[in-house]
PDB file of all heavy atoms in Angstrom:
ATOM      1  N   PRO A   1       0.818  -1.223   0.005  1.00  0.00           N
ATOM      2  CA  PRO A   1      -0.010  -0.005   0.004  1.00  0.00           C
ATOM      3  C   PRO A   1       0.839   1.266   0.009  1.00  0.00           C
ATOM      4  O   PRO A   1       0.520   2.250  -0.631  1.00  0.00           O
ATOM      5  CB  PRO A   1      -0.828  -0.128   1.287  1.00  0.00           C
ATOM      6  CG  PRO A   1      -0.911  -1.574   1.551  1.00  0.00           C
ATOM      7  CD  PRO A   1       0.428  -2.133   1.100  1.00  0.00           C
ATOM      8  N   THR A   2       1.981   1.237   0.716  1.00  0.00           N
ATOM      9  CA  THR A   2       2.870   2.401   0.752  1.00  0.00           C
ATOM     10  C   THR A   2       3.450   2.684  -0.637  1.00  0.00           C
ATOM     11  O   THR A   2       3.548   3.838  -1.063  1.00  0.00           O
ATOM     12  CB  THR A   2       4.043   2.157   1.751  1.00  0.00           C
ATOM     13  OG1 THR A   2       3.505   1.886   3.025  1.00  0.00           O
ATOM     14  CG2 THR A   2       4.951   3.348   1.809  1.00  0.00           C
ATOM     15  N   ILE A   3       3.822   1.614  -1.347  1.00  0.00           N
ATOM     16  CA  ILE A   3       4.368   1.759  -2.692  1.00  0.00           C
ATOM     17  C   ILE A   3       3.314   2.341  -3.649  1.00  0.00           C
ATOM     18  O   ILE A   3       3.594   3.195  -4.475  1.00  0.00           O
ATOM     19  CB  ILE A   3       4.879   0.420  -3.227  1.00  0.00           C
ATOM     20  CG1 ILE A   3       6.093  -0.042  -2.398  1.00  0.00           C
ATOM     21  CG2 ILE A   3       5.267   0.521  -4.696  1.00  0.00           C
ATOM     22  CD1 ILE A   3       6.584  -1.419  -2.757  1.00  0.00           C
ATOM     23  N   LEU A   4       2.074   1.881  -3.507  1.00  0.00           N
ATOM     24  CA  LEU A   4       0.983   2.343  -4.359  1.00  0.00           C
ATOM     25  C   LEU A   4       0.712   3.855  -4.132  1.00  0.00           C
ATOM     26  O   LEU A   4       0.484   4.592  -5.080  1.00  0.00           O
ATOM     27  CB  LEU A   4      -0.302   1.546  -4.116  1.00  0.00           C
ATOM     28  CG  LEU A   4      -0.228   0.067  -4.529  1.00  0.00           C
ATOM     29  CD1 LEU A   4      -1.526  -0.638  -4.163  1.00  0.00           C
ATOM     30  CD2 LEU A   4       0.055  -0.061  -6.018  1.00  0.00           C
ATOM     31  N   VAL A   5       0.795   4.260  -2.863  1.00  0.00           N
ATOM     32  CA  VAL A   5       0.605   5.668  -2.552  1.00  0.00           C
ATOM     33  C   VAL A   5       1.754   6.469  -3.160  1.00  0.00           C
ATOM     34  O   VAL A   5       1.548   7.553  -3.735  1.00  0.00           O
ATOM     35  CB  VAL A   5       0.552   5.905  -1.018  1.00  0.00           C
ATOM     36  CG1 VAL A   5       0.640   7.392  -0.674  1.00  0.00           C
ATOM     37  CG2 VAL A   5      -0.719   5.303  -0.450  1.00  0.00           C
ATOM     38  N   GLN A   6       2.964   5.941  -3.040  1.00  0.00           N
ATOM     39  CA  GLN A   6       4.138   6.613  -3.592  1.00  0.00           C
ATOM     40  C   GLN A   6       3.997   6.753  -5.117  1.00  0.00           C
ATOM     41  O   GLN A   6       4.336   7.784  -5.705  1.00  0.00           O
ATOM     42  CB  GLN A   6       5.417   5.862  -3.245  1.00  0.00           C
ATOM     43  CG  GLN A   6       6.669   6.618  -3.686  1.00  0.00           C
ATOM     44  CD  GLN A   6       7.956   5.846  -3.490  1.00  0.00           C
ATOM     45  OE1 GLN A   6       7.960   4.632  -3.670  1.00  0.00           O
ATOM     46  NE2 GLN A   6       9.031   6.524  -3.137  1.00  0.00           N
ATOM     47  N   MET A   7       3.515   5.671  -5.794  1.00  0.00           N
ATOM     48  CA  MET A   7       3.318   5.730  -7.239  1.00  0.00           C
ATOM     49  C   MET A   7       2.312   6.823  -7.598  1.00  0.00           C
ATOM     50  O   MET A   7       2.483   7.522  -8.619  1.00  0.00           O
ATOM     51  CB  MET A   7       2.851   4.368  -7.737  1.00  0.00           C
ATOM     52  CG  MET A   7       3.910   3.281  -7.704  1.00  0.00           C
ATOM     53  SD  MET A   7       3.256   1.657  -8.102  1.00  0.00           S
ATOM     54  CE  MET A   7       2.716   1.905  -9.789  1.00  0.00           C
ATOM     55  N   LEU A   8       1.303   7.003  -6.751  1.00  0.00           N
ATOM     56  CA  LEU A   8       0.270   8.000  -7.034  1.00  0.00           C
ATOM     57  C   LEU A   8       0.841   9.399  -6.938  1.00  0.00           C
ATOM     58  O   LEU A   8       0.677  10.213  -7.851  1.00  0.00           O
ATOM     59  CB  LEU A   8      -0.879   7.835  -6.066  1.00  0.00           C
ATOM     60  CG  LEU A   8      -2.070   8.791  -6.269  1.00  0.00           C
ATOM     61  CD1 LEU A   8      -2.735   8.536  -7.617  1.00  0.00           C
ATOM     62  CD2 LEU A   8      -3.106   8.595  -5.138  1.00  0.00           C
ATOM     63  N   TYR A   9       1.570   9.690  -5.817  1.00  0.00           N
ATOM     64  CA  TYR A   9       2.054  11.053  -5.699  1.00  0.00           C
ATOM     65  C   TYR A   9       3.268  11.353  -6.582  1.00  0.00           C
ATOM     66  O   TYR A   9       3.518  12.483  -6.945  1.00  0.00           O
ATOM     67  CB  TYR A   9       2.305  11.408  -4.221  1.00  0.00           C
ATOM     68  CG  TYR A   9       3.602  11.027  -3.574  1.00  0.00           C
ATOM     69  CD1 TYR A   9       4.803  11.654  -3.927  1.00  0.00           C
ATOM     70  CD2 TYR A   9       3.647  10.049  -2.593  1.00  0.00           C
ATOM     71  CE1 TYR A   9       6.004  11.268  -3.339  1.00  0.00           C
ATOM     72  CE2 TYR A   9       4.815   9.684  -1.980  1.00  0.00           C
ATOM     73  CZ  TYR A   9       6.005  10.301  -2.344  1.00  0.00           C
ATOM     74  OH  TYR A   9       7.189   9.962  -1.769  1.00  0.00           O
ATOM     75  N   THR A  10       4.039  10.296  -6.962  1.00  0.00           N
ATOM     76  CA  THR A  10       5.122  10.546  -7.891  1.00  0.00           C
ATOM     77  C   THR A  10       4.615  10.760  -9.322  1.00  0.00           C
ATOM     78  O   THR A  10       5.241  11.466 -10.118  1.00  0.00           O
ATOM     79  CB  THR A  10       6.176   9.396  -7.908  1.00  0.00           C
ATOM     80  OG1 THR A  10       5.499   8.145  -8.043  1.00  0.00           O
ATOM     81  CG2 THR A  10       6.953   9.395  -6.613  1.00  0.00           C
ATOM     82  N   THR A  11       3.419  10.206  -9.622  1.00  0.00           N
ATOM     83  CA  THR A  11       2.782  10.516 -10.910  1.00  0.00           C
ATOM     84  C   THR A  11       2.412  12.001 -10.956  1.00  0.00           C
ATOM     85  O   THR A  11       2.675  12.676 -11.940  1.00  0.00           O
ATOM     86  CB  THR A  11       1.515   9.664 -11.098  1.00  0.00           C
ATOM     87  OG1 THR A  11       1.883   8.279 -11.193  1.00  0.00           O
ATOM     88  CG2 THR A  11       0.777  10.062 -12.360  1.00  0.00           C
ATOM     89  N   PHE A  12       1.848  12.485  -9.845  1.00  0.00           N
ATOM     90  CA  PHE A  12       1.500  13.886  -9.754  1.00  0.00           C
ATOM     91  C   PHE A  12       2.755  14.756  -9.818  1.00  0.00           C
ATOM     92  O   PHE A  12       2.797  15.778 -10.511  1.00  0.00           O
ATOM     93  CB  PHE A  12       0.765  14.139  -8.429  1.00  0.00           C
ATOM     94  CG  PHE A  12       0.435  15.601  -8.174  1.00  0.00           C
ATOM     95  CD1 PHE A  12      -0.531  16.232  -8.939  1.00  0.00           C
ATOM     96  CD2 PHE A  12       1.112  16.307  -7.212  1.00  0.00           C
ATOM     97  CE1 PHE A  12      -0.825  17.573  -8.731  1.00  0.00           C
ATOM     98  CE2 PHE A  12       0.822  17.653  -6.984  1.00  0.00           C
ATOM     99  CZ  PHE A  12      -0.153  18.273  -7.760  1.00  0.00           C
ATOM    100  N   LEU A  13       3.824  14.320  -9.114  1.00  0.00           N
ATOM    101  CA  LEU A  13       5.078  15.041  -9.162  1.00  0.00           C
ATOM    102  C   LEU A  13       5.651  15.069 -10.580  1.00  0.00           C
ATOM    103  O   LEU A  13       6.131  16.116 -11.056  1.00  0.00           O
ATOM    104  CB  LEU A  13       6.087  14.393  -8.213  1.00  0.00           C
ATOM    105  CG  LEU A  13       7.538  14.970  -8.251  1.00  0.00           C
ATOM    106  CD1 LEU A  13       7.534  16.420  -7.855  1.00  0.00           C
ATOM    107  CD2 LEU A  13       8.460  14.132  -7.348  1.00  0.00           C
ATOM    108  N   GLY A  14       5.556  13.930 -11.281  1.00  0.00           N
ATOM    109  CA  GLY A  14       6.052  13.848 -12.652  1.00  0.00           C
ATOM    110  C   GLY A  14       5.321  14.828 -13.580  1.00  0.00           C
ATOM    111  O   GLY A  14       5.920  15.443 -14.458  1.00  0.00           O
ATOM    112  N   ILE A  15       4.027  14.981 -13.344  1.00  0.00           N
ATOM    113  CA  ILE A  15       3.229  15.922 -14.140  1.00  0.00           C
ATOM    114  C   ILE A  15       3.670  17.357 -13.857  1.00  0.00           C
ATOM    115  O   ILE A  15       3.844  18.169 -14.817  1.00  0.00           O
ATOM    116  CB  ILE A  15       1.725  15.754 -13.848  1.00  0.00           C
ATOM    117  CG1 ILE A  15       1.248  14.414 -14.418  1.00  0.00           C
ATOM    118  CG2 ILE A  15       0.914  16.909 -14.429  1.00  0.00           C
ATOM    119  CD1 ILE A  15      -0.167  14.032 -14.023  1.00  0.00           C
ATOM    120  N   ILE A  16       3.895  17.683 -12.574  1.00  0.00           N
ATOM    121  CA  ILE A  16       4.393  18.992 -12.203  1.00  0.00           C
ATOM    122  C   ILE A  16       5.742  19.277 -12.842  1.00  0.00           C
ATOM    123  O   ILE A  16       5.991  20.360 -13.376  1.00  0.00           O
ATOM    124  CB  ILE A  16       4.478  19.128 -10.663  1.00  0.00           C
ATOM    125  CG1 ILE A  16       3.121  19.057 -10.020  1.00  0.00           C
ATOM    126  CG2 ILE A  16       5.191  20.451 -10.288  1.00  0.00           C
ATOM    127  CD1 ILE A  16       2.174  20.185 -10.360  1.00  0.00           C
ATOM    128  N   LEU A  17       6.623  18.284 -12.787  1.00  0.00           N
ATOM    129  CA  LEU A  17       7.974  18.430 -13.366  1.00  0.00           C
ATOM    130  C   LEU A  17       7.901  18.614 -14.876  1.00  0.00           C
ATOM    131  O   LEU A  17       8.694  19.362 -15.468  1.00  0.00           O
ATOM    132  CB  LEU A  17       8.845  17.226 -12.985  1.00  0.00           C
ATOM    133  CG  LEU A  17       9.209  17.123 -11.512  1.00  0.00           C
ATOM    134  CD1 LEU A  17       9.779  15.737 -11.189  1.00  0.00           C
ATOM    135  CD2 LEU A  17      10.189  18.202 -11.103  1.00  0.00           C
ATOM    136  N   GLY A  18       6.973  17.907 -15.519  1.00  0.00           N
ATOM    137  CA  GLY A  18       6.776  18.057 -16.956  1.00  0.00           C
ATOM    138  C   GLY A  18       6.333  19.455 -17.321  1.00  0.00           C
ATOM    139  O   GLY A  18       6.774  20.046 -18.306  1.00  0.00           O
ATOM    140  N   ILE A  19       5.410  20.027 -16.509  1.00  0.00           N
ATOM    141  CA  ILE A  19       4.919  21.379 -16.744  1.00  0.00           C
ATOM    142  C   ILE A  19       6.065  22.388 -16.582  1.00  0.00           C
ATOM    143  O   ILE A  19       6.211  23.297 -17.379  1.00  0.00           O
ATOM    144  CB  ILE A  19       3.776  21.711 -15.748  1.00  0.00           C
ATOM    145  CG1 ILE A  19       2.542  20.862 -16.098  1.00  0.00           C
ATOM    146  CG2 ILE A  19       3.440  23.187 -15.797  1.00  0.00           C
ATOM    147  CD1 ILE A  19       1.437  20.976 -15.070  1.00  0.00           C
ATOM    148  N   ILE A  20       6.872  22.176 -15.516  1.00  0.00           N
ATOM    149  CA  ILE A  20       8.020  23.076 -15.302  1.00  0.00           C
ATOM    150  C   ILE A  20       8.976  23.053 -16.465  1.00  0.00           C
ATOM    151  O   ILE A  20       9.440  24.080 -16.961  1.00  0.00           O
ATOM    152  CB  ILE A  20       8.759  22.679 -13.985  1.00  0.00           C
ATOM    153  CG1 ILE A  20       7.873  22.986 -12.795  1.00  0.00           C
ATOM    154  CG2 ILE A  20      10.087  23.444 -13.854  1.00  0.00           C
ATOM    155  CD1 ILE A  20       8.444  22.475 -11.470  1.00  0.00           C
ATOM    156  N   TYR A  21       9.250  21.834 -16.978  1.00  0.00           N
ATOM    157  CA  TYR A  21      10.176  21.690 -18.117  1.00  0.00           C
ATOM    158  C   TYR A  21       9.592  22.330 -19.375  1.00  0.00           C
ATOM    159  O   TYR A  21      10.302  22.997 -20.130  1.00  0.00           O
ATOM    160  CB  TYR A  21      10.472  20.213 -18.356  1.00  0.00           C
ATOM    161  CG  TYR A  21      11.488  19.962 -19.436  1.00  0.00           C
ATOM    162  CD1 TYR A  21      12.748  20.530 -19.394  1.00  0.00           C
ATOM    163  CD2 TYR A  21      11.197  19.094 -20.491  1.00  0.00           C
ATOM    164  CE1 TYR A  21      13.696  20.309 -20.394  1.00  0.00           C
ATOM    165  CE2 TYR A  21      12.126  18.859 -21.500  1.00  0.00           C
ATOM    166  CZ  TYR A  21      13.358  19.459 -21.431  1.00  0.00           C
ATOM    167  OH  TYR A  21      14.308  19.220 -22.413  1.00  0.00           O
ATOM    168  N   GLN A  22       8.313  22.144 -19.591  1.00  0.00           N
ATOM    169  CA  GLN A  22       7.636  22.693 -20.742  1.00  0.00           C
ATOM    170  C   GLN A  22       7.649  24.226 -20.710  1.00  0.00           C
ATOM    171  O   GLN A  22       7.873  24.880 -21.735  1.00  0.00           O
ATOM    172  CB  GLN A  22       6.212  22.186 -20.841  1.00  0.00           C
ATOM    173  CG  GLN A  22       5.346  22.799 -21.925  1.00  0.00           C
ATOM    174  CD  GLN A  22       5.877  22.531 -23.325  1.00  0.00           C
ATOM    175  OE1 GLN A  22       6.637  21.580 -23.563  1.00  0.00           O
ATOM    176  NE2 GLN A  22       5.448  23.348 -24.282  1.00  0.00           N
ATOM    177  N   LYS A  23       7.428  24.790 -19.546  1.00  0.00           N
ATOM    178  CA  LYS A  23       7.374  26.250 -19.397  1.00  0.00           C
ATOM    179  C   LYS A  23       8.739  26.921 -19.466  1.00  0.00           C
ATOM    180  O   LYS A  23       8.854  28.064 -19.920  1.00  0.00           O
ATOM    181  CB  LYS A  23       6.681  26.618 -18.083  1.00  0.00           C
ATOM    182  CG  LYS A  23       5.206  26.264 -17.985  1.00  0.00           C
ATOM    183  CD  LYS A  23       4.375  27.045 -19.008  1.00  0.00           C
ATOM    184  CE  LYS A  23       2.913  26.756 -18.875  1.00  0.00           C
ATOM    185  NZ  LYS A  23       2.116  27.505 -19.853  1.00  0.00           N
ATOM    186  N   THR A  24       9.767  26.207 -19.007  1.00  0.00           N
ATOM    187  CA  THR A  24      11.090  26.826 -18.930  1.00  0.00           C
ATOM    188  C   THR A  24      12.033  26.436 -20.076  1.00  0.00           C
ATOM    189  O   THR A  24      12.981  27.117 -20.362  1.00  0.00           O
ATOM    190  CB  THR A  24      11.784  26.464 -17.614  1.00  0.00           C
ATOM    191  OG1 THR A  24      11.979  25.032 -17.563  1.00  0.00           O
ATOM    192  CG2 THR A  24      10.969  26.945 -16.427  1.00  0.00           C
TER     193      THR A  24
END
């Protein structure tokens, strides 16, 4: 369950990082 939660929030983090890369 801990790994699944981590996968969920790292997906969100990956999206944020993608936006940052796209904008900069």
